C-alpha atoms as a PDB file:
ATOM      1  CA  UNK A   1     -17.003 -10.547 -23.506  1.00  0.00           C
ATOM      2  CA  UNK A   2     -18.239  -9.752 -26.991  1.00  0.00           C
ATOM      3  CA  UNK A   3     -19.272 -12.225 -29.639  1.00  0.00           C
ATOM      4  CA  UNK A   4     -18.918 -12.431 -33.376  1.00  0.00           C
ATOM      5  CA  UNK A   5     -22.294 -13.725 -34.531  1.00  0.00           C
ATOM      6  CA  UNK A   6     -22.704 -15.211 -38.002  1.00  0.00           C
ATOM      7  CA  UNK A   7     -25.883 -16.705 -39.393  1.00  0.00           C
ATOM      8  CA  UNK A   8     -25.602 -19.597 -41.855  1.00  0.00           C
ATOM      9  CA  UNK A   9     -28.555 -20.169 -44.180  1.00  0.00           C
ATOM     10  CA  UNK A  10     -29.183 -23.819 -45.037  1.00  0.00           C
ATOM     11  CA  UNK A  11     -31.739 -22.804 -47.673  1.00  0.00           C
ATOM     12  CA  UNK A  12     -34.737 -24.570 -46.195  1.00  0.00           C
ATOM     13  CA  UNK A  13     -38.091 -23.173 -45.121  1.00  0.00           C
ATOM     14  CA  UNK A  14     -39.705 -24.241 -41.810  1.00  0.00           C
ATOM     15  CA  UNK A  15     -41.425 -27.637 -41.960  1.00  0.00           C
ATOM     16  CA  UNK A  16     -43.473 -27.487 -38.762  1.00  0.00           C
ATOM     17  CA  UNK A  17     -45.553 -24.991 -36.821  1.00  0.00           C
ATOM     18  CA  UNK A  18     -43.870 -22.798 -34.168  1.00  0.00           C
ATOM     19  CA  UNK A  19     -44.289 -23.566 -30.485  1.00  0.00           C
ATOM     20  CA  UNK A  20     -47.161 -21.308 -29.361  1.00  0.00           C
ATOM     21  CA  UNK A  21     -45.569 -20.955 -25.895  1.00  0.00           C
ATOM     22  CA  UNK A  22     -42.859 -18.729 -27.416  1.00  0.00           C
ATOM     23  CA  UNK A  23     -44.536 -16.257 -29.773  1.00  0.00           C
ATOM     24  CA  UNK A  24     -41.761 -13.707 -29.178  1.00  0.00           C
ATOM     25  CA  UNK A  25     -38.751 -16.042 -29.320  1.00  0.00           C
ATOM     26  CA  UNK A  26     -36.659 -17.787 -26.695  1.00  0.00           C
ATOM     27  CA  UNK A  27     -33.693 -16.723 -24.607  1.00  0.00           C
ATOM     28  CA  UNK A  28     -31.165 -19.545 -24.432  1.00  0.00           C
ATOM     29  CA  UNK A  29     -29.273 -19.788 -21.138  1.00  0.00           C
ATOM     30  CA  UNK A  30     -26.398 -22.273 -21.409  1.00  0.00           C
ATOM     31  CA  UNK A  31     -24.537 -20.767 -18.440  1.00  0.00           C
ATOM     32  CA  UNK A  32     -25.704 -23.416 -15.933  1.00  0.00           C
ATOM     33  CA  UNK A  33     -25.930 -20.673 -13.299  1.00  0.00           C
ATOM     34  CA  UNK A  34     -22.261 -19.680 -13.532  1.00  0.00           C
ATOM     35  CA  UNK A  35     -21.236 -16.544 -11.634  1.00  0.00           C
ATOM     36  CA  UNK A  36     -19.257 -15.324 -14.653  1.00  0.00           C
ATOM     37  CA  UNK A  37     -21.392 -15.354 -17.775  1.00  0.00           C
ATOM     38  CA  UNK A  38     -21.919 -13.226 -20.846  1.00  0.00           C
ATOM     39  CA  UNK A  39     -24.816 -12.878 -23.211  1.00  0.00           C
ATOM     40  CA  UNK A  40     -25.588 -11.471 -26.609  1.00  0.00           C
ATOM     41  CA  UNK A  41     -28.724 -10.755 -28.557  1.00  0.00           C
ATOM     42  CA  UNK A  42     -29.264 -12.597 -31.805  1.00  0.00           C
ATOM     43  CA  UNK A  43     -30.798 -11.197 -34.987  1.00  0.00           C
ATOM     44  CA  UNK A  44     -34.456 -12.099 -34.587  1.00  0.00           C
ATOM     45  CA  UNK A  45     -36.311 -13.618 -36.250  1.00  0.00           C
ATOM     46  CA  UNK A  46     -34.035 -15.648 -38.500  1.00  0.00           C
ATOM     47  CA  UNK A  47     -34.901 -15.647 -42.201  1.00  0.00           C
ATOM     48  CA  UNK A  48     -35.437 -19.422 -42.296  1.00  0.00           C
ATOM     49  CA  UNK A  49     -33.773 -22.672 -41.243  1.00  0.00           C
ATOM     50  CA  UNK A  50     -30.109 -22.292 -40.435  1.00  0.00           C
ATOM     51  CA  UNK A  51     -27.772 -21.710 -37.530  1.00  0.00           C
ATOM     52  CA  UNK A  52     -25.746 -19.035 -35.795  1.00  0.00           C
ATOM     53  CA  UNK A  53     -22.112 -19.503 -34.928  1.00  0.00           C
ATOM     54  CA  UNK A  54     -21.046 -17.428 -31.938  1.00  0.00           C
ATOM     55  CA  UNK A  55     -17.370 -16.868 -31.199  1.00  0.00           C
ATOM     56  CA  UNK A  56     -16.159 -14.959 -28.141  1.00  0.00           C
ATOM     57  CA  UNK A  57     -13.633 -12.349 -29.184  1.00  0.00           C
ATOM     58  CA  UNK A  58     -11.837 -12.678 -25.828  1.00  0.00           C
ATOM     59  CA  UNK A  59     -11.486 -16.395 -25.092  1.00  0.00           C
ATOM     60  CA  UNK A  60     -12.518 -17.887 -28.468  1.00  0.00           C
ATOM     61  CA  UNK A  61     -15.329 -19.985 -26.939  1.00  0.00           C
ATOM     62  CA  UNK A  62     -17.489 -21.187 -29.827  1.00  0.00           C
ATOM     63  CA  UNK A  63     -21.169 -22.132 -29.803  1.00  0.00           C
ATOM     64  CA  UNK A  64     -23.787 -23.048 -32.400  1.00  0.00           C
ATOM     65  CA  UNK A  65     -27.486 -22.176 -32.121  1.00  0.00           C
ATOM     66  CA  UNK A  66     -30.015 -23.463 -34.652  1.00  0.00           C
ATOM     67  CA  UNK A  67     -32.881 -21.488 -36.203  1.00  0.00           C
ATOM     68  CA  UNK A  68     -36.064 -22.461 -37.989  1.00  0.00           C
ATOM     69  CA  UNK A  69     -37.253 -19.121 -39.357  1.00  0.00           C
ATOM     70  CA  UNK A  70     -40.225 -19.078 -36.984  1.00  0.00           C
ATOM     71  CA  UNK A  71     -41.464 -16.890 -34.096  1.00  0.00           C
ATOM     72  CA  UNK A  72     -40.053 -19.391 -31.571  1.00  0.00           C
ATOM     73  CA  UNK A  73     -36.465 -18.898 -32.785  1.00  0.00           C
ATOM     74  CA  UNK A  74     -33.740 -17.882 -30.303  1.00  0.00           C
ATOM     75  CA  UNK A  75     -33.402 -14.143 -29.670  1.00  0.00           C
ATOM     76  CA  UNK A  76     -30.508 -14.219 -27.183  1.00  0.00           C
ATOM     77  CA  UNK A  77     -27.774 -16.540 -25.944  1.00  0.00           C
ATOM     78  CA  UNK A  78     -26.030 -16.662 -22.553  1.00  0.00           C
ATOM     79  CA  UNK A  79     -22.988 -18.776 -21.721  1.00  0.00           C
ATOM     80  CA  UNK A  80     -20.547 -19.190 -18.851  1.00  0.00           C
ATOM     81  CA  UNK A  81     -17.184 -17.524 -19.356  1.00  0.00           C
ATOM     82  CA  UNK A  82     -14.505 -19.945 -20.449  1.00  0.00           C
ATOM     83  CA  UNK A  83     -11.814 -20.363 -17.825  1.00  0.00           C
ATOM     84  CA  UNK A  84      -8.354 -19.542 -19.099  1.00  0.00           C
ATOM     85  CA  UNK A  85      -5.674 -22.061 -18.253  1.00  0.00           C
ATOM     86  CA  UNK A  86      -2.299 -20.643 -17.242  1.00  0.00           C
END
């Protein structure tokens, strides 16, 4: 699975301090332990507050991940593969 990743700038600077537990970003795992899962890296760090839209080029699964333009922004995203109905 490959993703089309697009960042959307909402034109706002961060309003709060980053979480010191994640000085090198966070890896988001939304797969819930699924056996079939795919992941992608995200452009890190984001320029400022905004969000990424991620669209799987195979099954068209869509996800949104927010950013704050801080060191604790997401750097990767993992999701379970979408089951195809036949």
